[in-house]
Protein backbone atom coordinates (compact mmCIF):
# COMPACT_ATOMS: atom_id res chain seq x y z
CA UNK A 1 -74.93 55.78 -259.08
CA UNK A 2 -75.42 56.94 -255.63
CA UNK A 3 -76.76 54.52 -252.51
CA UNK A 4 -80.37 55.66 -252.70
CA UNK A 5 -80.43 55.29 -256.56
CA UNK A 6 -79.18 51.81 -256.21
CA UNK A 7 -81.69 50.72 -253.37
CA UNK A 8 -84.55 52.45 -255.58
CA UNK A 9 -83.53 50.40 -258.58
CA UNK A 10 -82.92 46.99 -256.50
CA UNK A 11 -86.38 47.37 -255.39
CA UNK A 12 -87.75 47.79 -258.30
CA UNK A 13 -86.16 45.04 -259.99
CA UNK A 14 -86.65 42.26 -257.34
CA UNK A 15 -90.65 43.44 -257.05
CA UNK A 16 -90.69 43.07 -261.21
CA UNK A 17 -89.24 39.66 -261.09
CA UNK A 18 -90.16 38.13 -257.93
CA UNK A 19 -94.01 37.23 -257.69
CA UNK A 20 -93.67 36.60 -253.87
CA UNK A 21 -92.89 40.07 -252.97
CA UNK A 22 -95.96 41.67 -251.22
CA UNK A 23 -94.51 45.08 -250.32
CA UNK A 24 -91.42 46.98 -251.00
CA UNK A 25 -90.00 46.36 -247.27
CA UNK A 26 -89.86 42.66 -248.15
CA UNK A 27 -86.67 43.37 -250.52
CA UNK A 28 -84.80 44.49 -247.27
CA UNK A 29 -84.88 40.82 -246.21
CA UNK A 30 -83.71 39.27 -249.66
CA UNK A 31 -80.34 37.88 -249.71
CA UNK A 32 -79.88 39.47 -253.28
CA UNK A 33 -80.58 42.79 -252.14
CA UNK A 34 -78.06 42.38 -248.84
CA UNK A 35 -75.25 40.55 -251.06
CA UNK A 36 -75.22 43.39 -253.84
CA UNK A 37 -75.21 45.99 -251.42
CA UNK A 38 -71.97 44.50 -250.02
CA UNK A 39 -70.90 43.79 -253.42
CA UNK A 40 -70.90 47.44 -254.62
CA UNK A 41 -68.76 48.20 -251.51
CA UNK A 42 -66.45 45.69 -251.92
CA UNK A 43 -66.09 46.44 -255.81
CA UNK A 44 -65.17 50.18 -255.12
CA UNK A 45 -62.75 48.92 -252.55
CA UNK A 46 -61.13 46.56 -254.87
CA UNK A 47 -61.16 48.91 -257.66
CA UNK A 48 -58.99 51.34 -255.11
CA UNK A 49 -56.58 48.33 -254.48
CA UNK A 50 -57.87 47.68 -251.34
CA UNK A 51 -57.90 44.00 -251.84
CA UNK A 52 -57.94 42.42 -248.13
CA UNK A 53 -60.90 44.60 -247.29
CA UNK A 54 -62.61 44.11 -250.30
CA UNK A 55 -62.48 40.24 -249.76
CA UNK A 56 -63.07 40.33 -246.14
CA UNK A 57 -66.65 41.94 -246.88
CA UNK A 58 -67.26 39.69 -249.66
CA UNK A 59 -66.63 36.86 -247.70
CA UNK A 60 -68.77 38.21 -244.72
CA UNK A 61 -71.34 38.48 -247.09
CA UNK A 62 -71.04 35.12 -248.50
CA UNK A 63 -71.35 33.32 -245.00
CA UNK A 64 -74.75 35.43 -244.44
CA UNK A 65 -76.32 34.92 -247.61
CA UNK A 66 -74.79 31.77 -249.37
CA UNK A 67 -73.90 33.90 -252.49
CA UNK A 68 -70.41 34.46 -253.30
CA UNK A 69 -69.38 37.24 -255.28
CA UNK A 70 -65.82 38.43 -256.22
CA UNK A 71 -65.50 41.86 -255.50
CA UNK A 72 -63.28 42.02 -258.55
CA UNK A 73 -66.45 41.08 -260.71
CA UNK A 74 -68.08 43.60 -262.85
CA UNK A 75 -72.16 43.56 -262.76
CA UNK A 76 -74.29 45.81 -264.53
CA UNK A 77 -77.77 47.03 -263.77
CA UNK A 78 -80.94 45.46 -262.99
CA UNK A 79 -79.11 42.29 -262.10
CA UNK A 80 -81.42 39.91 -260.16
CA UNK A 81 -80.62 36.34 -258.12
CA UNK A 82 -83.55 34.34 -257.25
CA UNK A 83 -83.40 32.11 -254.14
CA UNK A 84 -79.59 32.69 -254.44
CA UNK A 85 -78.07 30.08 -252.14
CA UNK A 86 -75.13 28.38 -253.91
CA UNK A 87 -74.57 31.22 -256.36
CA UNK A 88 -70.72 31.70 -257.10
CA UNK A 89 -69.27 34.48 -259.31
CA UNK A 90 -65.57 34.27 -260.00
CA UNK A 91 -63.36 37.55 -260.04
CA UNK A 92 -63.15 38.07 -263.90
CA UNK A 93 -66.54 37.48 -264.52
CA UNK A 94 -68.30 40.43 -266.33
CA UNK A 95 -72.26 40.78 -266.27
CA UNK A 96 -74.35 43.02 -268.41
CA UNK A 97 -77.62 44.74 -267.49
CA UNK A 98 -80.77 43.08 -266.53
CA UNK A 99 -79.22 39.47 -265.89
CA UNK A 100 -81.06 36.71 -264.06
CA UNK A 101 -79.47 33.84 -262.13
CA UNK A 102 -80.96 31.12 -260.39
CA UNK A 103 -79.87 29.27 -257.11
CA UNK A 104 -76.95 26.95 -257.52
CA UNK A 105 -75.36 28.91 -260.35
CA UNK A 106 -71.46 29.14 -261.04
CA UNK A 107 -69.79 31.44 -263.17
CA UNK A 108 -66.30 29.91 -262.91
CA UNK A 109 -63.26 29.23 -264.42
CA UNK A 110 -61.76 26.05 -265.45
CA UNK A 111 -58.61 26.24 -263.32
CA UNK A 112 -56.21 26.08 -266.31
CA UNK A 113 -56.42 29.84 -267.12
CA UNK A 114 -54.88 33.09 -266.50
CA UNK A 115 -56.02 36.59 -266.98
CA UNK A 116 -59.63 36.66 -267.88
CA UNK A 117 -60.85 33.57 -267.00
CA UNK A 118 -64.49 33.28 -266.08
CA UNK A 119 -67.27 33.81 -268.51
CA UNK A 120 -68.89 37.00 -269.79
CA UNK A 121 -72.77 37.40 -269.82
CA UNK A 122 -74.12 39.84 -271.88
CA UNK A 123 -77.16 42.17 -271.24
CA UNK A 124 -80.87 40.11 -270.77
CA UNK A 125 -79.25 36.45 -270.09
CA UNK A 126 -80.92 34.24 -268.00
CA UNK A 127 -79.19 31.20 -266.45
CA UNK A 128 -81.64 28.67 -264.44
CA UNK A 129 -81.09 26.68 -261.40
CA UNK A 130 -77.97 24.52 -261.06
CA UNK A 131 -76.25 25.55 -264.11
CA UNK A 132 -72.60 25.89 -264.45
CA UNK A 133 -70.60 28.33 -266.63
CA UNK A 134 -67.07 27.47 -266.92
CA UNK A 135 -64.40 29.48 -268.81
CA UNK A 136 -63.37 32.39 -270.34
CA UNK A 137 -65.97 33.03 -273.16
CA UNK A 138 -69.20 34.97 -273.86
CA UNK A 139 -72.85 34.00 -273.49
CA UNK A 140 -74.52 36.38 -275.81
CA UNK A 141 -77.24 38.75 -275.12
CA UNK A 142 -80.85 37.42 -274.81
CA UNK A 143 -79.57 34.10 -274.44
CA UNK A 144 -81.00 31.31 -271.89
CA UNK A 145 -79.15 28.65 -270.08
CA UNK A 146 -81.36 25.68 -268.98
CA UNK A 147 -81.49 24.30 -265.48
CA UNK A 148 -78.46 21.80 -264.53
CA UNK A 149 -76.47 22.59 -267.94
CA UNK A 150 -72.95 22.76 -268.11
CA UNK A 151 -71.44 25.29 -270.45
CA UNK A 152 -67.91 25.08 -271.83
CA UNK A 153 -68.22 26.96 -274.99
CA UNK A 154 -69.43 30.20 -276.46
CA UNK A 155 -73.09 30.67 -277.04
CA UNK A 156 -74.42 33.23 -279.56
CA UNK A 157 -77.06 35.85 -278.85
CA UNK A 158 -80.62 34.52 -278.95
CA UNK A 159 -79.89 31.27 -278.08
CA UNK A 160 -81.17 28.50 -275.49
CA UNK A 161 -78.67 25.94 -274.45
CA UNK A 162 -79.66 22.66 -272.70
CA UNK A 163 -77.75 19.70 -271.41
CA UNK A 164 -74.35 18.38 -270.16
CA UNK A 165 -72.05 19.25 -272.11
CA UNK A 166 -74.25 22.29 -272.99
CA UNK A 167 -75.89 22.34 -276.44
CA UNK A 168 -77.58 24.88 -278.69
CA UNK A 169 -81.11 23.69 -279.03
CA UNK A 170 -82.74 27.20 -280.27
CA UNK A 171 -81.83 29.81 -282.20
CA UNK A 172 -84.04 33.20 -282.79
CA UNK A 173 -84.04 36.83 -283.37
CA UNK A 174 -86.74 37.62 -280.69
CA UNK A 175 -85.56 39.69 -277.88
CA UNK A 176 -85.88 38.41 -274.57
CA UNK A 177 -87.67 41.09 -272.05
CA UNK A 178 -86.17 41.89 -268.74
CA UNK A 179 -88.91 40.17 -266.98
CA UNK A 180 -88.99 37.18 -269.04
CA UNK A 181 -88.38 34.74 -266.07
CA UNK A 182 -89.38 31.29 -267.85
CA UNK A 183 -86.95 28.66 -267.23
CA UNK A 184 -89.27 25.66 -267.89
CA UNK A 185 -90.51 25.78 -271.15
CA UNK A 186 -87.22 25.13 -272.80
CA UNK A 187 -86.50 22.45 -275.74
CA UNK A 188 -85.53 19.15 -274.40
CA UNK A 189 -83.21 17.29 -277.12
CA UNK A 190 -83.13 13.84 -275.27
CA UNK A 191 -86.66 13.65 -275.14
CA UNK A 192 -86.79 14.59 -278.84
CA UNK A 193 -83.97 12.01 -279.64
CA UNK A 194 -86.05 9.36 -277.88
CA UNK A 195 -89.29 10.19 -279.77
CA UNK A 196 -87.41 10.10 -283.00
CA UNK A 197 -86.13 6.64 -282.24
CA UNK A 198 -89.62 5.26 -281.04
CA UNK A 199 -91.27 6.81 -284.22
CA UNK A 200 -88.61 4.74 -286.64
CA UNK A 201 -88.63 1.79 -284.23
CA UNK A 202 -92.40 1.70 -284.93
CA UNK A 203 -91.97 2.30 -288.85
CA UNK A 204 -89.70 -0.47 -288.78
CA UNK A 205 -92.08 -2.75 -286.92
CA UNK A 206 -94.60 -2.06 -289.21
CA UNK A 207 -92.40 -2.84 -292.11
CA UNK A 208 -91.51 -6.08 -290.75
CA UNK A 209 -95.23 -6.97 -290.35
CA UNK A 210 -95.94 -6.24 -293.87
CA UNK A 211 -93.27 -8.22 -295.30
CA UNK A 212 -94.32 -11.18 -292.93
CA UNK A 213 -97.79 -10.80 -294.14
CA UNK A 214 -96.43 -11.08 -297.90
CA UNK A 215 -94.30 -14.04 -297.18
CA UNK A 216 -97.12 -15.99 -295.65
CA UNK A 217 -99.36 -14.91 -298.73
CA UNK A 218 -96.52 -16.38 -301.33
CA UNK A 219 -96.20 -19.42 -298.91
CA UNK A 220 -99.82 -20.08 -299.22
CA UNK A 221 -99.70 -19.46 -302.90
CA UNK A 222 -96.94 -21.89 -303.76
CA UNK A 223 -98.58 -24.33 -301.31
CA UNK A 224 -101.72 -24.20 -303.34
CA UNK A 225 -99.86 -24.71 -306.79
């Protein structure tokens, strides 16, 4: 894809996914737009073996935008970072088409691997604010990672992951559309566990009251005799 084709696609993607956009010209002010222009240049240089120049471009973009994308990362079409400050994407990361990241997301390694040491995100994945995906494994297509989650192992397609460490709390076969930006209405396993404990506690409390009532009744009957 040429430069003008890329710019046209970026404008469309940002307008489609950010309701704050009032005109196409605002896109040119977005950190996502600026950092992706730099990334595409740096990535081409990296593929040609110009590693130092590629890193210079990427680090310059990181200082200006707060988004650090290693030029060795492979990123597909329709990629979008919303409020991108603090986003880090490692060298061997692979990102499919129509992926969305929010601020503070890290796609990193564990520090113990060589070769492919960063995650692979398949098509239509959404990673919510502050989530960390660490290691060389795959996040399946159409999956969602909840805010603040720390994912340390593979996630199948069509799943929702929340928590530290990340746990799969929802599986489904419904395809997530490219414009699905809902990072709020995700299951809360901790809340569900607490609700279950409260329900069991109430049931036990009622049983104790019933037993106490029966004991008092029996005591009265024995006293009357």
